[in-house]
C-alpha atoms as a PDB file:
ATOM      1  CA  MET A   1      -0.019   0.071  -0.036  1.00  0.00           C
ATOM      2  CA  ALA A   2       1.417   3.223  -1.016  1.00  0.00           C
ATOM      3  CA  GLU A   3       1.522   6.349   1.555  1.00  0.00           C
ATOM      4  CA  THR A   4      -0.014   9.118   0.999  1.00  0.00           C
ATOM      5  CA  ARG A   5       0.691  12.632   2.261  1.00  0.00           C
ATOM      6  CA  LYS A   6      -2.093  14.684   3.473  1.00  0.00           C
ATOM      7  CA  LYS A   7      -2.018  18.638   2.659  1.00  0.00           C
ATOM      8  CA  VAL A   8      -3.279  20.359   5.415  1.00  0.00           C
ATOM      9  CA  GLU A   9      -4.226  23.599   4.179  1.00  0.00           C
ATOM     10  CA  GLY A  10      -4.332  26.968   6.106  1.00  0.00           C
ATOM     11  CA  GLU A  11      -1.369  29.281   7.973  1.00  0.00           C
ATOM     12  CA  TYR A  12       1.578  27.904   9.615  1.00  0.00           C
ATOM     13  CA  LEU A  13       3.941  29.374  12.142  1.00  0.00           C
ATOM     14  CA  GLN A  14       7.087  30.473  10.682  1.00  0.00           C
ATOM     15  CA  TYR A  15      10.653  31.015  12.054  1.00  0.00           C
ATOM     16  CA  GLN A  16      13.124  32.343   9.300  1.00  0.00           C
ATOM     17  CA  GLY A  17      10.897  31.713   6.300  1.00  0.00           C
ATOM     18  CA  LYS A  18      10.101  28.078   6.769  1.00  0.00           C
ATOM     19  CA  PRO A  19       7.094  26.607   8.515  1.00  0.00           C
ATOM     20  CA  LEU A  20       7.116  25.181  12.163  1.00  0.00           C
ATOM     21  CA  VAL A  21       4.337  22.757  13.030  1.00  0.00           C
ATOM     22  CA  ARG A  22       3.649  20.993  16.487  1.00  0.00           C
ATOM     23  CA  GLU A  23       1.626  18.381  17.027  1.00  0.00           C
ATOM     24  CA  GLU A  24       1.272  17.340  20.814  1.00  0.00           C
ATOM     25  CA  ASN A  25       4.795  16.037  21.217  1.00  0.00           C
ATOM     26  CA  THR A  26       6.385  16.307  17.596  1.00  0.00           C
ATOM     27  CA  ILE A  27       7.462  19.619  16.625  1.00  0.00           C
ATOM     28  CA  ILE A  28       8.614  19.505  12.335  1.00  0.00           C
ATOM     29  CA  TYR A  29      10.855  22.365  11.196  1.00  0.00           C
ATOM     30  CA  GLY A  30      10.819  22.923   7.195  1.00  0.00           C
ATOM     31  CA  ASP A  31       9.257  22.680   4.094  1.00  0.00           C
ATOM     32  CA  LEU A  32       8.517  18.798   3.307  1.00  0.00           C
ATOM     33  CA  ASN A  33       7.534  20.049  -0.407  1.00  0.00           C
ATOM     34  CA  ASN A  34      10.305  21.714  -1.310  1.00  0.00           C
ATOM     35  CA  ASP A  35      13.418  21.194   1.231  1.00  0.00           C
ATOM     36  CA  PRO A  36      15.283  17.855   0.664  1.00  0.00           C
ATOM     37  CA  TYR A  37      15.737  17.523   4.588  1.00  0.00           C
ATOM     38  CA  VAL A  38      13.495  18.758   7.659  1.00  0.00           C
ATOM     39  CA  LEU A  39      14.089  18.834  11.287  1.00  0.00           C
ATOM     40  CA  VAL A  40      11.842  16.654  13.661  1.00  0.00           C
ATOM     41  CA  LEU A  41      11.874  17.401  17.425  1.00  0.00           C
ATOM     42  CA  GLU A  42      10.306  14.750  19.741  1.00  0.00           C
ATOM     43  CA  ILE A  43       9.572  15.705  23.315  1.00  0.00           C
ATOM     44  CA  MET A  44      10.341  12.395  25.073  1.00  0.00           C
ATOM     45  CA  SER A  45       9.673  13.630  28.756  1.00  0.00           C
ATOM     46  CA  TYR A  46       9.130  16.521  30.711  1.00  0.00           C
ATOM     47  CA  LYS A  47       9.868  17.820  34.433  1.00  0.00           C
ATOM     48  CA  GLU A  48       8.719  20.727  36.608  1.00  0.00           C
ATOM     49  CA  GLU A  49      10.255  23.892  36.719  1.00  0.00           C
ATOM     50  CA  ALA A  50       9.059  26.548  38.628  1.00  0.00           C
ATOM     51  CA  GLY A  51       5.192  25.300  38.265  1.00  0.00           C
ATOM     52  CA  GLU A  52       5.835  24.576  34.858  1.00  0.00           C
ATOM     53  CA  LYS A  53       5.909  21.635  32.600  1.00  0.00           C
ATOM     54  CA  VAL A  54       9.300  21.926  30.621  1.00  0.00           C
ATOM     55  CA  PRO A  55      10.789  19.183  28.231  1.00  0.00           C
ATOM     56  CA  SER A  56      13.513  17.451  29.544  1.00  0.00           C
ATOM     57  CA  LYS A  57      14.555  14.912  26.721  1.00  0.00           C
ATOM     58  CA  VAL A  58      14.479  15.882  23.194  1.00  0.00           C
ATOM     59  CA  LEU A  59      15.135  13.638  20.790  1.00  0.00           C
ATOM     60  CA  ILE A  60      16.498  15.211  17.601  1.00  0.00           C
ATOM     61  CA  GLN A  61      16.135  13.829  14.062  1.00  0.00           C
ATOM     62  CA  ILE A  62      16.972  15.393  10.182  1.00  0.00           C
ATOM     63  CA  LEU A  63      14.633  13.302   7.985  1.00  0.00           C
ATOM     64  CA  ASP A  64      14.951  13.101   4.335  1.00  0.00           C
ATOM     65  CA  SER A  65      11.655  14.929   3.393  1.00  0.00           C
ATOM     66  CA  LYS A  66      10.987  12.425   0.003  1.00  0.00           C
ATOM     67  CA  ASP A  67      11.678   9.477   2.515  1.00  0.00           C
ATOM     68  CA  PRO A  68      10.525  10.495   6.179  1.00  0.00           C
ATOM     69  CA  ASN A  69      11.710   6.648   7.157  1.00  0.00           C
ATOM     70  CA  ASN A  70      14.900   7.695   6.170  1.00  0.00           C
ATOM     71  CA  ILE A  71      16.968   9.197   9.564  1.00  0.00           C
ATOM     72  CA  VAL A  72      19.835  11.237   8.067  1.00  0.00           C
ATOM     73  CA  GLN A  73      21.337  11.998  11.723  1.00  0.00           C
ATOM     74  CA  SER A  74      19.735  11.966  15.049  1.00  0.00           C
ATOM     75  CA  GLY A  75      21.127  12.845  18.439  1.00  0.00           C
ATOM     76  CA  GLN A  76      19.068  13.888  21.945  1.00  0.00           C
ATOM     77  CA  LYS A  77      19.618  17.277  24.498  1.00  0.00           C
ATOM     78  CA  ASP A  78      18.144  17.934  27.735  1.00  0.00           C
ATOM     79  CA  SER A  79      16.122  20.993  26.593  1.00  0.00           C
ATOM     80  CA  LEU A  80      14.218  21.845  23.492  1.00  0.00           C
ATOM     81  CA  HIS A  81      16.232  24.872  23.418  1.00  0.00           C
ATOM     82  CA  ASP A  82      19.340  23.563  22.863  1.00  0.00           C
ATOM     83  CA  ALA A  83      17.610  20.390  20.750  1.00  0.00           C
ATOM     84  CA  PHE A  84      16.699  23.277  18.490  1.00  0.00           C
ATOM     85  CA  THR A  85      19.759  25.152  18.314  1.00  0.00           C
ATOM     86  CA  LEU A  86      21.758  22.298  17.743  1.00  0.00           C
ATOM     87  CA  GLY A  87      19.001  20.568  15.038  1.00  0.00           C
ATOM     88  CA  LEU A  88      19.108  23.913  13.060  1.00  0.00           C
ATOM     89  CA  THR A  89      22.418  23.710  12.949  1.00  0.00           C
ATOM     90  CA  TRP A  90      22.895  20.506  11.546  1.00  0.00           C
ATOM     91  CA  LEU A  91      19.518  21.219   9.005  1.00  0.00           C
ATOM     92  CA  ASP A  92      21.078  24.410   7.795  1.00  0.00           C
ATOM     93  CA  LEU A  93      24.648  22.330   6.558  1.00  0.00           C
ATOM     94  CA  LYS A  94      22.390  19.280   5.355  1.00  0.00           C
ATOM     95  CA  LEU A  95      20.570  21.927   2.859  1.00  0.00           C
ATOM     96  CA  LYS A  96      23.301  23.499   2.242  1.00  0.00           C
ATOM     97  CA  LYS A  97      25.472  20.409   1.343  1.00  0.00           C
ATOM     98  CA  SER A  98      22.597  19.532  -1.197  1.00  0.00           C
ATOM     99  CA  ALA A  99      22.570  23.046  -3.006  1.00  0.00           C
ATOM    100  CA  MET A 100      26.124  22.139  -3.979  1.00  0.00           C
END
């Protein structure tokens, strides 16, 4: 059975000109239709900090946008900020290499 992609209509939050979408514990950054790679952040666990629920373990993955089962690079960080910063760096490097 072939996998079909569902196009979601509407406006997305944009960061540096690319869509940033969150659904529950998964955050996807990048354009699945036009970029060869996208960044996926998966929040694995939370901790209480000053009465707020804060991500404490975040899985970082760079995926091939044509084949989402192909994980190009992965890692883990202990905060969402650190994970997003590292993931953006990895994604930028992969996109620059693919443009050469």
